[in-house]
Protein backbone atom coordinates (compact mmCIF):
# COMPACT_ATOMS: atom_id res chain seq x y z
CA MET A 1 -19.58 15.45 78.19
CA ASP A 2 -18.61 12.66 75.78
CA GLU A 3 -15.53 13.49 73.75
CA SER A 4 -17.53 13.15 70.43
CA GLU A 5 -19.86 15.86 71.61
CA LYS A 6 -17.15 18.58 71.65
CA PHE A 7 -16.82 18.63 67.84
CA ALA A 8 -19.25 19.09 65.00
CA LYS A 9 -19.78 15.83 62.87
CA ASP A 10 -18.92 15.86 59.25
CA GLY A 11 -22.19 15.83 57.17
CA GLU A 12 -24.50 16.71 59.98
CA ILE A 13 -26.85 19.56 59.44
CA TYR A 14 -27.26 21.68 62.52
CA ASN A 15 -30.01 24.12 63.35
CA PHE A 16 -28.84 27.65 64.16
CA ASP A 17 -31.79 29.64 65.30
CA GLY A 18 -33.89 28.21 62.46
CA LYS A 19 -31.05 28.32 59.86
CA LYS A 20 -29.50 25.18 58.48
CA GLY A 21 -25.75 24.69 58.39
CA ILE A 22 -23.76 21.68 57.20
CA VAL A 23 -20.24 20.80 58.40
CA ILE A 24 -17.68 19.40 56.00
CA GLY A 25 -14.18 18.99 57.60
CA GLY A 26 -10.79 17.89 56.19
CA ALA A 27 -8.02 18.94 53.90
CA TYR A 28 -4.60 17.72 52.75
CA SER A 29 -1.72 18.88 54.78
CA VAL A 30 0.95 20.34 52.56
CA ASP A 31 3.60 19.72 55.22
CA LYS A 32 2.80 16.07 55.37
CA ASP A 33 6.23 14.95 54.28
CA TYR A 34 7.97 17.14 56.72
CA ARG A 35 5.63 15.99 59.63
CA LEU A 36 6.48 12.30 58.78
CA SER A 37 10.20 12.85 58.57
CA ALA A 38 10.27 14.92 61.71
CA GLY A 39 8.08 12.53 63.74
CA LEU A 40 5.39 15.12 64.14
CA PRO A 41 1.70 14.20 64.26
CA TRP A 42 -0.09 13.47 60.95
CA PHE A 43 -3.49 11.72 60.59
CA GLU A 44 -4.18 9.46 57.60
CA SER A 45 -7.92 10.45 58.14
CA GLU A 46 -7.28 14.12 57.60
CA GLN A 47 -9.36 14.20 54.41
CA PRO A 48 -12.97 13.00 54.26
CA SER A 49 -13.39 9.31 53.40
CA ALA A 50 -15.61 7.76 50.78
CA GLU A 51 -18.09 6.97 53.55
CA ILE A 52 -18.08 10.68 54.86
CA LYS A 53 -18.53 11.96 51.31
CA SER A 54 -21.51 9.69 50.66
CA TYR A 55 -23.06 10.74 53.93
CA VAL A 56 -22.69 14.43 53.23
CA GLU A 57 -24.30 13.90 49.79
CA GLU A 58 -27.10 11.86 51.33
CA GLN A 59 -27.78 14.61 53.83
CA LEU A 60 -27.84 17.31 51.18
CA GLN A 61 -30.05 15.16 48.92
CA ALA A 62 -32.45 14.81 51.83
CA ASN A 63 -32.62 18.64 52.09
CA ASP A 64 -33.10 19.09 48.41
CA TRP A 65 -29.51 20.50 48.13
CA THR A 66 -30.41 23.53 50.06
CA VAL A 67 -28.91 24.94 53.21
CA ASP A 68 -28.25 28.40 54.69
CA TYR A 69 -24.65 27.84 55.70
CA VAL A 70 -21.70 25.66 54.76
CA LEU A 71 -18.81 25.27 57.45
CA SER A 72 -15.89 23.55 55.72
CA HIS A 73 -12.20 23.46 56.43
CA THR A 74 -11.00 23.95 52.75
CA CYS A 75 -12.80 25.36 49.83
CA PRO A 76 -14.08 24.37 46.39
CA LEU A 77 -11.23 24.03 43.86
CA LEU A 78 -12.10 27.21 41.80
CA MET A 79 -11.93 29.31 44.95
CA GLU A 80 -8.43 28.32 46.07
CA PRO A 81 -6.37 31.42 46.69
CA THR A 82 -3.30 30.56 44.54
CA ASP A 83 -1.49 33.69 45.73
CA LEU A 84 -1.40 32.25 49.14
CA PHE A 85 0.22 29.03 48.14
CA LEU A 86 3.62 28.48 49.85
CA ASN A 87 6.51 28.98 47.40
CA ASP A 88 8.45 25.94 48.61
CA ILE A 89 5.55 23.50 48.04
CA ASP A 90 5.29 21.68 44.75
CA GLN A 91 1.53 22.02 44.01
CA GLY A 92 1.79 19.04 41.59
CA LYS A 93 2.18 16.90 44.67
CA VAL A 94 -0.62 18.31 46.67
CA ASP A 95 -3.80 16.06 46.81
CA LYS A 96 -6.74 18.24 45.60
CA THR A 97 -9.39 15.59 45.80
CA THR A 98 -11.25 17.19 48.56
CA GLU A 99 -11.33 20.54 46.84
CA GLU A 100 -12.41 18.90 43.64
CA TRP A 101 -15.25 17.02 45.54
CA LEU A 102 -16.33 20.31 47.12
CA GLU A 103 -16.43 21.88 43.77
CA GLN A 104 -18.95 19.48 42.56
CA ILE A 105 -21.06 20.04 45.69
CA HIS A 106 -20.72 23.76 45.18
CA LYS A 107 -22.16 23.53 41.66
CA LYS A 108 -25.28 21.83 42.91
CA LEU A 109 -25.84 23.51 46.27
CA LYS A 110 -28.09 26.50 47.08
CA TYR A 111 -26.77 28.37 50.04
CA GLN A 112 -26.50 31.80 51.65
CA LYS A 113 -22.91 31.78 52.96
CA TRP A 114 -20.06 29.39 52.81
CA TYR A 115 -17.27 29.66 55.43
CA PHE A 116 -13.81 28.05 55.13
CA GLY A 117 -10.40 28.46 56.63
CA HIS A 118 -7.22 26.36 55.82
CA PHE A 119 -5.24 29.20 54.06
CA HIS A 120 -4.42 31.35 57.12
CA GLU A 121 -6.03 34.62 55.84
CA ASN A 122 -9.27 36.61 56.05
CA ARG A 123 -11.00 37.20 52.65
CA TYR A 124 -14.47 37.93 51.45
CA TYR A 125 -16.23 36.89 48.31
CA ALA A 126 -19.78 37.31 47.14
CA THR A 127 -21.20 34.22 48.95
CA MET A 128 -17.98 32.81 50.58
CA GLU A 129 -15.71 33.95 53.37
CA MET A 130 -12.15 32.72 54.22
CA LEU A 131 -11.69 33.10 57.93
CA PHE A 132 -8.55 33.00 59.89
CA GLU A 133 -8.48 35.68 62.76
CA GLU A 134 -12.05 36.89 62.74
CA ILE A 135 -14.92 35.72 64.93
CA LYS A 136 -18.25 36.26 63.09
CA GLU A 137 -21.93 35.83 63.65
CA LEU A 138 -23.37 33.60 61.10
CA GLY A 139 -24.75 35.42 58.10
CA SER A 140 -23.46 38.86 59.34
CA ASN A 141 -21.17 40.95 57.34
CA ASP A 142 -19.61 42.50 60.38
CA PHE A 143 -17.19 40.74 62.75
CA LEU A 144 -17.56 40.24 66.50
CA GLN A 145 -13.80 40.17 67.21
CA ARG A 146 -10.67 40.09 65.14
CA MET A 147 -7.61 38.56 66.62
CA GLY A 148 -4.14 37.61 65.61
CA ARG A 149 -1.00 39.00 64.21
CA PRO A 150 -0.20 42.67 64.72
CA LYS A 151 1.25 44.47 61.85
CA TYR A 152 3.17 47.00 63.95
CA ARG A 153 5.61 46.58 66.88
CA ARG A 154 6.23 48.48 70.01
CA GLY A 155 8.33 51.51 69.16
CA GLU A 156 7.32 51.86 65.51
CA TYR A 157 6.24 55.15 64.15
CA VAL A 158 2.78 55.25 62.69
CA MET A 159 0.07 57.67 61.46
CA LEU A 160 -3.56 57.59 62.33
CA SER A 161 -6.47 59.65 61.14
CA ASN A 162 -8.33 61.65 63.75
CA GLY A 163 -11.24 63.26 61.79
CA SER A 164 -9.77 65.93 59.73
CA ASP A 165 -6.27 65.71 61.12
CA ASP A 166 -3.54 63.18 60.65
CA ILE A 167 -1.73 62.23 63.85
CA TYR A 168 1.87 61.00 63.99
CA GLY A 169 2.94 58.81 66.90
CA ARG A 170 4.91 55.94 68.33
CA ILE A 171 3.47 52.64 69.37
CA ALA A 172 3.64 52.25 73.18
CA VAL A 173 1.53 49.17 73.78
CA VAL A 174 0.41 46.37 71.55
CA ASP A 175 -2.81 44.48 72.33
CA SER A 176 -2.89 41.50 69.92
CA TYR A 177 -6.47 40.65 70.90
CA GLY A 178 -7.93 44.06 71.05
CA THR A 179 -9.92 45.25 74.12
CA TYR A 180 -13.48 44.15 73.98
CA GLY A 181 -15.95 46.99 74.24
CA GLN A 182 -13.26 49.42 72.95
CA SER A 183 -11.63 47.68 69.95
CA ARG A 184 -12.65 44.47 68.22
CA GLU A 185 -9.37 44.02 66.58
CA VAL A 186 -5.65 44.27 67.29
CA SER A 187 -5.19 47.65 68.97
CA TYR A 188 -2.45 50.00 70.06
CA ASP A 189 -1.74 52.64 72.59
CA ILE A 190 0.09 55.38 70.71
CA GLU A 191 2.20 58.22 72.04
CA ARG A 192 1.78 61.36 69.99
CA ILE A 193 4.86 62.85 68.28
CA ASP A 194 5.33 66.55 68.05
CA GLY A 195 8.09 67.08 65.53
CA THR A 196 10.78 64.69 66.62
CA GLN A 197 9.78 64.66 70.29
CA CYS A 198 6.99 62.77 72.07
CA ASP A 199 4.51 65.30 73.66
CA LYS A 200 3.29 62.64 76.10
CA ALA A 201 -0.24 62.65 74.63
CA LEU A 202 -1.43 59.01 74.72
CA TYR A 203 -4.11 57.74 72.39
CA LYS A 204 -5.43 54.37 73.80
CA HIS A 205 -6.88 51.35 72.18
CA ILE A 206 -6.62 52.57 68.56
CA PRO A 207 -7.77 49.84 66.24
CA GLU A 208 -5.22 48.63 63.62
CA SER A 209 -7.53 49.35 60.72
CA VAL A 210 -6.93 53.07 61.18
CA VAL A 211 -3.18 52.88 61.76
CA GLU A 212 -0.55 53.22 58.90
CA ARG A 213 3.23 52.84 59.05
CA ILE A 214 5.28 55.88 58.23
């Protein structure tokens, strides 16, 4: 396979089982200065060039500014999650030209769902989704798999709901990637606690969404 065939191309509109999806990559790296000073990789082409922007707009114009899905790295300017901005970054020095351009596209475009990432969180809006740890089927509200950062550690005491009863226990095993077929998200094996003692009952593959710290 040619290296260029491993990645979706900016501005191309792909057919996903009869649905049209356009790909728009690129965003400004807020850690650019640190990367340059530390000798870490940084790419001048990280944001879409004028040529790429023109190509994206030509493709959309040819499709009457209508697609089913948008797959972008960052989001339109007005959708930026300001609460996720890093405290030690001066936002006045962050290049927002890609977000500003996407905002202009967003105002003209008709679409079903817009997916983006960049901000390292999972969030859901009316017609947009910010994805980080979730694997989703296009157009679906459900997720196929949720992966990533466990909230709880081995040995922590937690509570989980088991129908009408609350169960208190201690985390024995952490599975950061869940167990496919049993849990589609971070899951835990939990030892039940009876008073202050473990009664050796083990609840396996408990999804994180039903676990609470106590």
